[in-house]
C-alpha atoms as a PDB file:
ATOM      1  CA  MET A   1      -9.409  26.356   8.458  1.00  0.00           C
ATOM      2  CA  GLY A   2      -6.376  24.824   6.886  1.00  0.00           C
ATOM      3  CA  VAL A   3      -4.025  22.202   8.464  1.00  0.00           C
ATOM      4  CA  ALA A   4      -1.852  24.007  11.098  1.00  0.00           C
ATOM      5  CA  ASP A   5       1.278  23.356  12.808  1.00  0.00           C
ATOM      6  CA  CYS A   6       0.721  23.664  16.464  1.00  0.00           C
ATOM      7  CA  ASP A   7       4.022  24.860  17.502  1.00  0.00           C
ATOM      8  CA  THR A   8       2.708  27.921  19.281  1.00  0.00           C
ATOM      9  CA  ASN A   9      -0.354  29.392  20.915  1.00  0.00           C
ATOM     10  CA  THR A  10      -2.080  32.078  19.100  1.00  0.00           C
ATOM     11  CA  THR A  11      -5.154  34.248  19.602  1.00  0.00           C
ATOM     12  CA  ILE A  12      -7.822  34.435  17.029  1.00  0.00           C
ATOM     13  CA  ASN A  13     -10.746  36.791  16.801  1.00  0.00           C
ATOM     14  CA  SER A  14     -14.303  35.226  17.009  1.00  0.00           C
ATOM     15  CA  PRO A  15     -16.944  36.273  14.585  1.00  0.00           C
ATOM     16  CA  THR A  16     -18.538  39.599  15.387  1.00  0.00           C
ATOM     17  CA  SER A  17     -20.783  39.200  18.419  1.00  0.00           C
ATOM     18  CA  VAL A  18     -23.020  41.533  20.607  1.00  0.00           C
ATOM     19  CA  THR A  19     -19.957  42.188  22.669  1.00  0.00           C
ATOM     20  CA  ASP A  20     -17.394  42.479  20.108  1.00  0.00           C
ATOM     21  CA  ALA A  21     -15.062  40.711  22.562  1.00  0.00           C
ATOM     22  CA  ALA A  22     -12.049  38.689  21.200  1.00  0.00           C
ATOM     23  CA  VAL A  23     -11.948  35.129  22.000  1.00  0.00           C
ATOM     24  CA  PRO A  24      -8.532  33.604  23.195  1.00  0.00           C
ATOM     25  CA  TYR A  25      -7.555  30.564  21.227  1.00  0.00           C
ATOM     26  CA  GLU A  26      -5.540  27.661  22.900  1.00  0.00           C
ATOM     27  CA  SER A  27      -3.697  25.367  20.854  1.00  0.00           C
ATOM     28  CA  PRO A  28      -4.757  21.785  21.554  1.00  0.00           C
ATOM     29  CA  CYS A  29      -1.188  20.740  20.988  1.00  0.00           C
ATOM     30  CA  ALA A  30       1.720  20.248  23.349  1.00  0.00           C
ATOM     31  CA  GLU A  31       4.704  22.399  23.287  1.00  0.00           C
ATOM     32  CA  ALA A  32       6.782  21.630  20.085  1.00  0.00           C
ATOM     33  CA  GLU A  33       9.985  20.985  22.122  1.00  0.00           C
ATOM     34  CA  ASP A  34       8.366  18.634  24.462  1.00  0.00           C
ATOM     35  CA  ILE A  35       7.245  16.294  21.870  1.00  0.00           C
ATOM     36  CA  ARG A  36      10.192  16.621  19.249  1.00  0.00           C
ATOM     37  CA  PRO A  37      10.656  14.528  16.998  1.00  0.00           C
ATOM     38  CA  CYS A  38       6.775  14.491  16.618  1.00  0.00           C
ATOM     39  CA  THR A  39       4.972  17.188  15.044  1.00  0.00           C
ATOM     40  CA  CYS A  40       1.287  18.210  16.000  1.00  0.00           C
ATOM     41  CA  PHE A  41      -1.194  19.324  13.401  1.00  0.00           C
ATOM     42  CA  VAL A  42      -4.675  20.674  13.820  1.00  0.00           C
ATOM     43  CA  ARG A  43      -7.279  19.351  11.207  1.00  0.00           C
ATOM     44  CA  ASP A  44      -9.887  21.210   9.624  1.00  0.00           C
ATOM     45  CA  ASP A  45     -12.307  19.466  11.805  1.00  0.00           C
ATOM     46  CA  LEU A  46     -10.007  20.654  14.840  1.00  0.00           C
ATOM     47  CA  TRP A  47      -8.967  17.056  15.697  1.00  0.00           C
ATOM     48  CA  VAL A  48      -5.450  16.654  16.487  1.00  0.00           C
ATOM     49  CA  ASP A  49      -2.998  14.523  14.436  1.00  0.00           C
ATOM     50  CA  LEU A  50       0.564  13.719  15.854  1.00  0.00           C
ATOM     51  CA  ILE A  51       3.207  12.449  13.257  1.00  0.00           C
ATOM     52  CA  CYS A  52       6.284  11.005  14.782  1.00  0.00           C
ATOM     53  CA  ARG A  53       9.390  10.227  12.833  1.00  0.00           C
ATOM     54  CA  GLY A  54      12.777   8.963  13.940  1.00  0.00           C
ATOM     55  CA  ILE A  55      11.670   7.294  17.178  1.00  0.00           C
ATOM     56  CA  ASN A  56      14.669   5.324  18.200  1.00  0.00           C
ATOM     57  CA  GLU A  57      13.791   3.771  21.604  1.00  0.00           C
ATOM     58  CA  GLU A  58      10.939   3.003  23.597  1.00  0.00           C
ATOM     59  CA  GLU A  59      11.601   5.491  26.461  1.00  0.00           C
ATOM     60  CA  GLU A  60      11.662   8.305  23.919  1.00  0.00           C
ATOM     61  CA  LEU A  61       8.074   7.428  22.990  1.00  0.00           C
ATOM     62  CA  GLY A  62       7.203   7.366  26.463  1.00  0.00           C
ATOM     63  CA  ARG A  63       8.948  10.943  27.071  1.00  0.00           C
ATOM     64  CA  ILE A  64       6.868  12.336  24.293  1.00  0.00           C
ATOM     65  CA  PHE A  65       3.538  11.270  25.600  1.00  0.00           C
ATOM     66  CA  SER A  66       4.210  12.402  29.126  1.00  0.00           C
ATOM     67  CA  ALA A  67       4.037  16.004  27.714  1.00  0.00           C
ATOM     68  CA  THR A  68       1.172  18.146  28.561  1.00  0.00           C
ATOM     69  CA  PHE A  69      -1.597  18.090  25.995  1.00  0.00           C
ATOM     70  CA  PRO A  70      -4.158  20.867  26.391  1.00  0.00           C
ATOM     71  CA  ASP A  71      -6.577  18.648  24.651  1.00  0.00           C
ATOM     72  CA  PRO A  72      -5.318  14.914  25.256  1.00  0.00           C
ATOM     73  CA  GLU A  73      -8.177  13.448  22.944  1.00  0.00           C
ATOM     74  CA  LEU A  74      -5.933  12.908  19.593  1.00  0.00           C
ATOM     75  CA  ASN A  75      -7.238  11.954  16.326  1.00  0.00           C
ATOM     76  CA  VAL A  76      -4.349   9.899  14.800  1.00  0.00           C
ATOM     77  CA  ILE A  77      -1.003   8.933  16.428  1.00  0.00           C
ATOM     78  CA  ARG A  78       1.346   7.954  13.398  1.00  0.00           C
ATOM     79  CA  VAL A  79       4.776   6.615  13.913  1.00  0.00           C
ATOM     80  CA  GLY A  80       6.738   6.858  10.785  1.00  0.00           C
ATOM     81  CA  GLN A  81       8.467   3.969   8.995  1.00  0.00           C
ATOM     82  CA  ASP A  82      11.956   4.955  10.146  1.00  0.00           C
ATOM     83  CA  SER A  83      11.090   4.162  13.859  1.00  0.00           C
ATOM     84  CA  ARG A  84      13.367   1.747  15.331  1.00  0.00           C
ATOM     85  CA  LEU A  85      10.868   0.559  18.032  1.00  0.00           C
ATOM     86  CA  ARG A  86      11.044  -3.169  18.755  1.00  0.00           C
ATOM     87  CA  VAL A  87       8.515  -3.245  21.588  1.00  0.00           C
ATOM     88  CA  LEU A  88       5.445  -1.046  22.291  1.00  0.00           C
ATOM     89  CA  GLN A  89       5.521  -1.231  26.032  1.00  0.00           C
ATOM     90  CA  LYS A  90       2.882  -0.544  28.470  1.00  0.00           C
ATOM     91  CA  ASP A  91       1.619   2.779  29.578  1.00  0.00           C
ATOM     92  CA  VAL A  92       3.231   4.778  26.531  1.00  0.00           C
ATOM     93  CA  PHE A  93      -0.020   6.521  25.787  1.00  0.00           C
ATOM     94  CA  GLU A  94      -1.381   6.745  29.263  1.00  0.00           C
ATOM     95  CA  GLY A  95      -1.759  10.506  29.089  1.00  0.00           C
ATOM     96  CA  VAL A  96      -3.737  10.716  25.874  1.00  0.00           C
ATOM     97  CA  THR A  97      -6.500   9.000  23.923  1.00  0.00           C
ATOM     98  CA  PHE A  98      -6.602   8.437  20.228  1.00  0.00           C
ATOM     99  CA  ARG A  99      -8.931   7.186  17.474  1.00  0.00           C
ATOM    100  CA  ALA A 100      -6.416   5.644  15.202  1.00  0.00           C
ATOM    101  CA  LEU A 101      -2.950   4.349  15.920  1.00  0.00           C
ATOM    102  CA  VAL A 102      -0.753   3.688  12.808  1.00  0.00           C
ATOM    103  CA  MET A 103       2.732   2.074  13.157  1.00  0.00           C
ATOM    104  CA  ARG A 104       3.499   0.705   9.773  1.00  0.00           C
ATOM    105  CA  GLU A 105       6.778  -0.463   8.021  1.00  0.00           C
ATOM    106  CA  GLY A 106       8.787  -0.622  11.118  1.00  0.00           C
ATOM    107  CA  VAL A 107      10.660  -3.273  13.125  1.00  0.00           C
ATOM    108  CA  LEU A 108       7.979  -3.847  15.903  1.00  0.00           C
ATOM    109  CA  GLU A 109       8.204  -7.433  17.293  1.00  0.00           C
ATOM    110  CA  GLU A 110       5.987  -7.124  20.270  1.00  0.00           C
ATOM    111  CA  VAL A 111       2.814  -5.213  21.331  1.00  0.00           C
ATOM    112  CA  MET A 112       1.899  -5.349  24.986  1.00  0.00           C
ATOM    113  CA  ALA A 113      -1.826  -4.961  26.036  1.00  0.00           C
ATOM    114  CA  GLU A 114      -1.073  -2.092  28.245  1.00  0.00           C
ATOM    115  CA  GLY A 115       0.704  -0.169  25.529  1.00  0.00           C
ATOM    116  CA  LEU A 116      -2.642   0.419  23.845  1.00  0.00           C
ATOM    117  CA  ARG A 117      -4.497   1.389  26.946  1.00  0.00           C
ATOM    118  CA  GLY A 118      -5.091   4.832  25.505  1.00  0.00           C
ATOM    119  CA  GLY A 119      -7.404   3.554  23.003  1.00  0.00           C
ATOM    120  CA  LEU A 120      -9.575   1.343  24.949  1.00  0.00           C
ATOM    121  CA  SER A 121     -12.647   3.724  24.827  1.00  0.00           C
ATOM    122  CA  THR A 122     -11.880   5.632  21.749  1.00  0.00           C
ATOM    123  CA  ALA A 123      -9.833   3.635  19.097  1.00  0.00           C
ATOM    124  CA  LEU A 124     -11.578   2.936  15.817  1.00  0.00           C
ATOM    125  CA  SER A 125      -8.408   1.652  14.017  1.00  0.00           C
ATOM    126  CA  LEU A 126      -5.219  -0.190  14.942  1.00  0.00           C
ATOM    127  CA  ASP A 127      -2.818  -0.505  11.984  1.00  0.00           C
ATOM    128  CA  PHE A 128       0.531  -2.403  12.384  1.00  0.00           C
ATOM    129  CA  THR A 129       1.024  -3.487   8.715  1.00  0.00           C
ATOM    130  CA  SER A 130       4.523  -4.532   7.707  1.00  0.00           C
ATOM    131  CA  ASN A 131       6.416  -4.975  10.944  1.00  0.00           C
ATOM    132  CA  ARG A 132       7.972  -8.163  12.606  1.00  0.00           C
ATOM    133  CA  ILE A 133       5.189  -8.608  15.050  1.00  0.00           C
ATOM    134  CA  ALA A 134       5.054 -12.210  16.688  1.00  0.00           C
ATOM    135  CA  SER A 135       3.307 -11.184  19.860  1.00  0.00           C
ATOM    136  CA  PHE A 136       0.267  -9.243  19.878  1.00  0.00           C
ATOM    137  CA  PRO A 137      -2.490  -9.045  22.734  1.00  0.00           C
ATOM    138  CA  PHE A 138      -5.518 -10.415  20.934  1.00  0.00           C
ATOM    139  CA  ASP A 139      -7.096 -11.208  24.110  1.00  0.00           C
ATOM    140  CA  ALA A 140      -7.184  -7.481  24.955  1.00  0.00           C
ATOM    141  CA  LEU A 141      -9.441  -6.663  21.774  1.00  0.00           C
ATOM    142  CA  GLN A 142     -12.758  -7.512  23.816  1.00  0.00           C
ATOM    143  CA  ASP A 143     -11.990  -4.394  25.859  1.00  0.00           C
ATOM    144  CA  PHE A 144     -11.939  -1.945  22.977  1.00  0.00           C
ATOM    145  CA  VAL A 145     -15.480  -0.720  23.080  1.00  0.00           C
ATOM    146  CA  SER A 146     -15.401   0.974  19.635  1.00  0.00           C
ATOM    147  CA  LEU A 147     -12.597  -0.659  17.423  1.00  0.00           C
ATOM    148  CA  THR A 148     -13.702  -1.361  13.775  1.00  0.00           C
ATOM    149  CA  GLU A 149     -10.369  -2.077  12.120  1.00  0.00           C
ATOM    150  CA  LEU A 150      -7.412  -4.281  12.935  1.00  0.00           C
ATOM    151  CA  LEU A 151      -4.577  -4.387  10.334  1.00  0.00           C
ATOM    152  CA  LEU A 152      -1.811  -6.742  10.915  1.00  0.00           C
ATOM    153  CA  GLY A 153      -0.786  -7.771   7.543  1.00  0.00           C
ATOM    154  CA  ASN A 154       2.823  -8.741   6.636  1.00  0.00           C
ATOM    155  CA  ASN A 155       4.086  -9.666  10.148  1.00  0.00           C
ATOM    156  CA  SER A 156       5.218 -12.815  11.668  1.00  0.00           C
ATOM    157  CA  ILE A 157       2.171 -14.179  13.455  1.00  0.00           C
ATOM    158  CA  SER A 158       2.384 -18.027  13.228  1.00  0.00           C
ATOM    159  CA  SER A 159      -1.181 -19.145  14.405  1.00  0.00           C
ATOM    160  CA  PHE A 160      -4.614 -17.789  14.059  1.00  0.00           C
ATOM    161  CA  PRO A 161      -5.571 -16.125  17.514  1.00  0.00           C
ATOM    162  CA  SER A 162      -8.368 -16.713  19.751  1.00  0.00           C
ATOM    163  CA  MET A 163     -10.206 -13.238  19.912  1.00  0.00           C
ATOM    164  CA  GLN A 164     -13.440 -11.543  20.736  1.00  0.00           C
ATOM    165  CA  SER A 165     -14.833  -8.357  19.427  1.00  0.00           C
ATOM    166  CA  SER A 166     -18.585  -7.283  18.993  1.00  0.00           C
ATOM    167  CA  THR A 167     -17.361  -4.255  16.906  1.00  0.00           C
ATOM    168  CA  LEU A 168     -14.451  -5.367  14.605  1.00  0.00           C
ATOM    169  CA  GLN A 169     -15.463  -4.920  10.902  1.00  0.00           C
ATOM    170  CA  VAL A 170     -12.180  -4.978   9.029  1.00  0.00           C
ATOM    171  CA  PHE A 171      -9.330  -7.591   9.869  1.00  0.00           C
ATOM    172  CA  SER A 172      -6.202  -8.447   8.051  1.00  0.00           C
ATOM    173  CA  LEU A 173      -3.894 -10.992   8.707  1.00  0.00           C
ATOM    174  CA  ALA A 174      -2.566 -11.373   5.190  1.00  0.00           C
ATOM    175  CA  ASN A 175       1.153 -12.280   4.561  1.00  0.00           C
ATOM    176  CA  ASN A 176       1.483 -13.897   8.142  1.00  0.00           C
ATOM    177  CA  PRO A 177       2.582 -17.649   8.464  1.00  0.00           C
ATOM    178  CA  LEU A 178      -0.661 -19.015   9.956  1.00  0.00           C
ATOM    179  CA  ARG A 179      -0.688 -22.224   7.925  1.00  0.00           C
ATOM    180  CA  SER A 180      -4.058 -23.297   9.374  1.00  0.00           C
ATOM    181  CA  LEU A 181      -7.477 -21.654  10.115  1.00  0.00           C
ATOM    182  CA  PRO A 182      -9.389 -23.259  12.877  1.00  0.00           C
ATOM    183  CA  SER A 183     -13.287 -23.798  12.438  1.00  0.00           C
ATOM    184  CA  TRP A 184     -13.865 -21.633  15.632  1.00  0.00           C
ATOM    185  CA  ALA A 185     -11.817 -18.762  14.231  1.00  0.00           C
ATOM    186  CA  PHE A 186     -14.639 -16.119  13.692  1.00  0.00           C
ATOM    187  CA  THR A 187     -17.230 -17.435  16.322  1.00  0.00           C
ATOM    188  CA  HIS A 188     -16.623 -14.240  18.500  1.00  0.00           C
ATOM    189  CA  LEU A 189     -16.205 -11.839  15.645  1.00  0.00           C
ATOM    190  CA  PRO A 190     -19.971 -11.269  14.628  1.00  0.00           C
ATOM    191  CA  ALA A 191     -19.476  -7.761  12.994  1.00  0.00           C
ATOM    192  CA  LEU A 192     -16.920  -8.777  10.349  1.00  0.00           C
ATOM    193  CA  VAL A 193     -17.289  -7.139   7.103  1.00  0.00           C
ATOM    194  CA  SER A 194     -14.019  -7.463   5.327  1.00  0.00           C
ATOM    195  CA  LEU A 195     -11.467 -10.399   6.042  1.00  0.00           C
ATOM    196  CA  ASP A 196      -7.914 -10.748   4.513  1.00  0.00           C
ATOM    197  CA  LEU A 197      -6.089 -13.812   4.853  1.00  0.00           C
ATOM    198  CA  ASP A 198      -4.295 -13.736   1.547  1.00  0.00           C
ATOM    199  CA  HIS A 199      -0.721 -15.523   1.399  1.00  0.00           C
ATOM    200  CA  THR A 200      -1.055 -17.264   4.853  1.00  0.00           C
ATOM    201  CA  GLY A 201       0.021 -20.748   3.933  1.00  0.00           C
ATOM    202  CA  LEU A 202      -3.604 -22.192   4.411  1.00  0.00           C
ATOM    203  CA  THR A 203      -3.889 -25.686   2.935  1.00  0.00           C
ATOM    204  CA  ALA A 204      -7.528 -26.401   3.899  1.00  0.00           C
ATOM    205  CA  LEU A 205     -10.637 -24.806   5.122  1.00  0.00           C
ATOM    206  CA  HIS A 206     -13.053 -26.541   7.711  1.00  0.00           C
ATOM    207  CA  PRO A 207     -16.839 -26.766   7.272  1.00  0.00           C
ATOM    208  CA  GLY A 208     -18.837 -24.158   8.953  1.00  0.00           C
ATOM    209  CA  THR A 209     -16.153 -21.588   9.483  1.00  0.00           C
ATOM    210  CA  PHE A 210     -17.952 -18.748   8.203  1.00  0.00           C
ATOM    211  CA  VAL A 211     -21.525 -19.435   9.324  1.00  0.00           C
ATOM    212  CA  ASP A 212     -21.779 -16.837  12.072  1.00  0.00           C
ATOM    213  CA  LEU A 213     -20.929 -13.921   9.908  1.00  0.00           C
ATOM    214  CA  GLU A 214     -23.984 -12.211   8.850  1.00  0.00           C
ATOM    215  CA  SER A 215     -22.393  -8.935   7.658  1.00  0.00           C
ATOM    216  CA  LEU A 216     -19.535 -10.415   5.841  1.00  0.00           C
ATOM    217  CA  ALA A 217     -18.869  -8.875   2.394  1.00  0.00           C
ATOM    218  CA  TYR A 218     -15.139  -9.602   1.426  1.00  0.00           C
ATOM    219  CA  VAL A 219     -13.222 -12.670   1.813  1.00  0.00           C
ATOM    220  CA  PHE A 220      -9.741 -12.727   0.644  1.00  0.00           C
ATOM    221  CA  LEU A 221      -7.991 -16.310   0.513  1.00  0.00           C
ATOM    222  CA  ALA A 222      -5.697 -15.747  -2.435  1.00  0.00           C
ATOM    223  CA  ASP A 223      -2.031 -16.808  -2.735  1.00  0.00           C
ATOM    224  CA  ASN A 224      -2.544 -19.810  -0.438  1.00  0.00           C
ATOM    225  CA  GLN A 225      -2.073 -23.548  -0.973  1.00  0.00           C
ATOM    226  CA  LEU A 226      -5.770 -24.585  -1.131  1.00  0.00           C
ATOM    227  CA  THR A 227      -6.257 -27.635  -3.476  1.00  0.00           C
ATOM    228  CA  HIS A 228      -9.882 -28.553  -2.776  1.00  0.00           C
ATOM    229  CA  VAL A 229     -12.936 -26.409  -1.869  1.00  0.00           C
ATOM    230  CA  GLU A 230     -15.217 -28.922  -0.073  1.00  0.00           C
ATOM    231  CA  ALA A 231     -18.994 -28.559   0.412  1.00  0.00           C
ATOM    232  CA  ASP A 232     -19.930 -26.325   3.415  1.00  0.00           C
ATOM    233  CA  THR A 233     -16.433 -24.928   3.760  1.00  0.00           C
ATOM    234  CA  LEU A 234     -17.525 -21.730   1.837  1.00  0.00           C
ATOM    235  CA  ALA A 235     -21.071 -21.514   3.112  1.00  0.00           C
ATOM    236  CA  PHE A 236     -22.095 -18.059   3.845  1.00  0.00           C
ATOM    237  CA  VAL A 237     -25.118 -16.368   5.605  1.00  0.00           C
ATOM    238  CA  SER A 238     -24.539 -12.952   4.653  1.00  0.00           C
ATOM    239  CA  ALA A 239     -26.913 -11.226   2.301  1.00  0.00           C
ATOM    240  CA  HIS A 240     -24.023  -8.590   1.625  1.00  0.00           C
ATOM    241  CA  LEU A 241     -21.428 -10.877   0.458  1.00  0.00           C
ATOM    242  CA  SER A 242     -20.003  -9.577  -2.742  1.00  0.00           C
ATOM    243  CA  VAL A 243     -16.375 -10.840  -3.325  1.00  0.00           C
ATOM    244  CA  ILE A 244     -14.532 -14.109  -2.506  1.00  0.00           C
ATOM    245  CA  SER A 245     -10.884 -14.260  -3.733  1.00  0.00           C
ATOM    246  CA  LEU A 246      -9.343 -17.685  -4.248  1.00  0.00           C
ATOM    247  CA  SER A 247      -6.727 -16.748  -6.913  1.00  0.00           C
ATOM    248  CA  HIS A 248      -3.377 -18.133  -7.117  1.00  0.00           C
ATOM    249  CA  ASN A 249      -3.917 -21.263  -5.011  1.00  0.00           C
ATOM    250  CA  ALA A 250      -3.829 -24.805  -6.412  1.00  0.00           C
ATOM    251  CA  ILE A 251      -7.625 -25.746  -6.512  1.00  0.00           C
ATOM    252  CA  GLY A 252      -8.529 -28.368  -8.622  1.00  0.00           C
ATOM    253  CA  LYS A 253     -12.036 -29.179  -7.389  1.00  0.00           C
ATOM    254  CA  VAL A 254     -14.995 -26.992  -5.952  1.00  0.00           C
ATOM    255  CA  ASP A 255     -17.918 -28.921  -4.595  1.00  0.00           C
ATOM    256  CA  GLY A 256     -19.820 -25.938  -3.739  1.00  0.00           C
ATOM    257  CA  ILE A 257     -20.111 -22.335  -2.560  1.00  0.00           C
ATOM    258  CA  SER A 258     -23.392 -21.378  -0.991  1.00  0.00           C
ATOM    259  CA  GLY A 259     -25.027 -18.168   0.508  1.00  0.00           C
ATOM    260  CA  LEU A 260     -23.893 -15.597  -1.819  1.00  0.00           C
ATOM    261  CA  GLY A 261     -25.899 -12.490  -2.393  1.00  0.00           C
ATOM    262  CA  ALA A 262     -26.964 -11.306  -5.914  1.00  0.00           C
ATOM    263  CA  ASP A 263     -24.179  -9.848  -8.152  1.00  0.00           C
ATOM    264  CA  ALA A 264     -21.396 -11.444  -6.093  1.00  0.00           C
ATOM    265  CA  GLU A 265     -17.891 -12.091  -7.472  1.00  0.00           C
ATOM    266  CA  ILE A 266     -15.811 -15.059  -7.234  1.00  0.00           C
ATOM    267  CA  PHE A 267     -12.090 -15.076  -8.229  1.00  0.00           C
ATOM    268  CA  LEU A 268     -10.550 -18.488  -9.112  1.00  0.00           C
ATOM    269  CA  ASP A 269      -7.838 -17.181 -11.537  1.00  0.00           C
ATOM    270  CA  SER A 270      -4.593 -19.224 -11.700  1.00  0.00           C
ATOM    271  CA  ASN A 271      -5.679 -22.397 -10.069  1.00  0.00           C
ATOM    272  CA  SER A 272      -5.745 -26.062 -11.372  1.00  0.00           C
ATOM    273  CA  LEU A 273      -9.363 -26.456 -12.428  1.00  0.00           C
ATOM    274  CA  THR A 274      -9.947 -28.641 -15.278  1.00  0.00           C
ATOM    275  CA  GLU A 275     -13.593 -28.742 -15.481  1.00  0.00           C
ATOM    276  CA  LEU A 276     -16.696 -26.833 -14.531  1.00  0.00           C
ATOM    277  CA  PRO A 277     -19.474 -29.181 -13.245  1.00  0.00           C
ATOM    278  CA  GLU A 278     -22.856 -27.650 -14.049  1.00  0.00           C
ATOM    279  CA  ALA A 279     -24.394 -28.685 -10.764  1.00  0.00           C
ATOM    280  CA  THR A 280     -21.825 -26.605  -8.956  1.00  0.00           C
ATOM    281  CA  TRP A 281     -21.828 -23.632 -11.251  1.00  0.00           C
ATOM    282  CA  ARG A 282     -25.187 -23.017 -12.867  1.00  0.00           C
ATOM    283  CA  PRO A 283     -27.116 -22.210  -9.597  1.00  0.00           C
ATOM    284  CA  LEU A 284     -24.596 -19.374  -8.770  1.00  0.00           C
ATOM    285  CA  LEU A 285     -24.418 -17.992 -12.481  1.00  0.00           C
ATOM    286  CA  GLU A 286     -28.168 -17.844 -12.526  1.00  0.00           C
ATOM    287  CA  LYS A 287     -28.192 -15.787  -9.436  1.00  0.00           C
ATOM    288  CA  GLY A 288     -26.068 -13.372 -11.181  1.00  0.00           C
ATOM    289  CA  THR A 289     -22.648 -14.316  -9.621  1.00  0.00           C
ATOM    290  CA  ARG A 290     -19.808 -13.430 -11.778  1.00  0.00           C
ATOM    291  CA  VAL A 291     -16.937 -16.325 -11.699  1.00  0.00           C
ATOM    292  CA  TRP A 292     -13.516 -15.320 -12.929  1.00  0.00           C
ATOM    293  CA  ALA A 293     -11.579 -18.522 -13.775  1.00  0.00           C
ATOM    294  CA  LEU A 294      -8.714 -17.378 -16.180  1.00  0.00           C
ATOM    295  CA  ASP A 295      -5.403 -19.297 -16.157  1.00  0.00           C
ATOM    296  CA  ASN A 296      -6.773 -22.510 -15.434  1.00  0.00           C
ATOM    297  CA  PRO A 297      -6.059 -25.781 -17.324  1.00  0.00           C
ATOM    298  CA  LEU A 298      -9.733 -26.414 -18.491  1.00  0.00           C
ATOM    299  CA  SER A 299     -10.420 -29.149 -20.947  1.00  0.00           C
ATOM    300  CA  CYS A 300     -12.650 -28.496 -24.095  1.00  0.00           C
ATOM    301  CA  GLY A 301     -14.942 -31.382 -23.262  1.00  0.00           C
ATOM    302  CA  CYS A 302     -18.679 -31.481 -23.109  1.00  0.00           C
ATOM    303  CA  ASP A 303     -18.430 -30.434 -19.346  1.00  0.00           C
ATOM    304  CA  VAL A 304     -17.985 -26.839 -20.207  1.00  0.00           C
ATOM    305  CA  ALA A 305     -20.718 -26.818 -23.079  1.00  0.00           C
ATOM    306  CA  TRP A 306     -23.528 -25.968 -20.837  1.00  0.00           C
ATOM    307  CA  VAL A 307     -22.087 -22.641 -20.118  1.00  0.00           C
ATOM    308  CA  LEU A 308     -20.366 -21.891 -23.470  1.00  0.00           C
ATOM    309  CA  ARG A 309     -23.754 -22.312 -25.368  1.00  0.00           C
ATOM    310  CA  ASN A 310     -25.641 -19.996 -23.073  1.00  0.00           C
ATOM    311  CA  GLU A 311     -25.017 -16.346 -23.747  1.00  0.00           C
ATOM    312  CA  SER A 312     -26.226 -15.038 -20.533  1.00  0.00           C
ATOM    313  CA  LEU A 313     -24.262 -17.530 -18.366  1.00  0.00           C
ATOM    314  CA  ARG A 314     -21.171 -17.248 -20.722  1.00  0.00           C
ATOM    315  CA  LYS A 315     -21.061 -13.481 -19.792  1.00  0.00           C
ATOM    316  CA  LEU A 316     -20.805 -14.279 -16.029  1.00  0.00           C
ATOM    317  CA  MET A 317     -18.148 -17.041 -16.514  1.00  0.00           C
ATOM    318  CA  ILE A 318     -14.907 -15.589 -17.487  1.00  0.00           C
ATOM    319  CA  ILE A 319     -12.642 -18.148 -18.722  1.00  0.00           C
ATOM    320  CA  ASP A 320      -9.792 -18.212 -21.367  1.00  0.00           C
ATOM    321  CA  GLU A 321     -10.657 -18.423 -25.080  1.00  0.00           C
ATOM    322  CA  VAL A 322      -8.003 -21.107 -25.390  1.00  0.00           C
ATOM    323  CA  CYS A 323      -8.351 -24.622 -23.919  1.00  0.00           C
ATOM    324  CA  SER A 324      -5.553 -26.356 -22.026  1.00  0.00           C
ATOM    325  CA  ASP A 325      -4.520 -28.268 -25.212  1.00  0.00           C
ATOM    326  CA  GLY A 326      -4.267 -25.089 -27.344  1.00  0.00           C
ATOM    327  CA  SER A 327      -7.528 -25.405 -29.178  1.00  0.00           C
ATOM    328  CA  ASP A 328     -10.337 -22.777 -29.308  1.00  0.00           C
ATOM    329  CA  THR A 329     -12.982 -23.500 -26.581  1.00  0.00           C
ATOM    330  CA  VAL A 330     -16.077 -22.604 -28.513  1.00  0.00           C
ATOM    331  CA  THR A 331     -15.003 -24.376 -31.647  1.00  0.00           C
ATOM    332  CA  GLU A 332     -14.051 -27.464 -29.819  1.00  0.00           C
ATOM    333  CA  VAL A 333     -17.348 -27.738 -27.927  1.00  0.00           C
ATOM    334  CA  GLU A 334     -19.386 -27.217 -31.048  1.00  0.00           C
ATOM    335  CA  GLY A 335     -17.615 -30.095 -32.647  1.00  0.00           C
ATOM    336  CA  LEU A 336     -18.020 -32.574 -29.847  1.00  0.00           C
ATOM    337  CA  CYS A 337     -21.096 -31.951 -28.078  1.00  0.00           C
END
């Protein structure tokens, strides 16, 4: 079955049976006129997607979802970027349930807890990327029994929230003015797999912040204002950790990163590293960790000789071929050390 617009109810014939009887088909969509300017689609797997464009006010959204849906269990509710909604008010989705709610690139400023009630038992994903949200009901997340993805990147959330979820796996607060990350941030988010805090104004990390995350695989901390990675601030316990992104900070020193799995990658491009201490980096490289450290003002002293002279380690430490003084790295080291 292809994707179909659910404007009308039709009758389809079932495969031939012993009775040869026609089976009436009732569309799971509400009447087209009742949900305009939304459009209802039936997917190949018979789940219903609702696409809404040009929603201009909160009352209009409430009117749409007060319509009668023969099957109120929706797959995705997607509100288009041309929406002018500023507040997602309570009880908007009271008559339906949904597996995903997508309201991207709008002007939302506030989301009320009661406005998400339709997804408490069914929602897998909430996506509010690129709005103006300053107020979000993080304390209500513990009531979502199946939620695995929460995307709030590029909004106006000014501090890291206190929140609990035993199911949340993917969480993004990238491009929000957080400025700081408390040590207790992930204590009650044990299922996290992917964490995106790129461009959030972070200046420091606290020891032990990530030690409760046994499933963590991806950590994005790029485009911040970090200057020093102290020991135990990036201490991990997950055997699945594969990517740590610290690119485009101002990091001049890394005391240690621990707990990485085999074949993990660390991105430190465009920072302020001047040296690569063997005690810090050799244990990681010998485990198979690949370190990207391009565009750093590395000197060409003997402190980098240990990696440049070891062919297997050199393949894992990706640095510029030219030193900060303009000389060739390998040539300079061979001459000095």
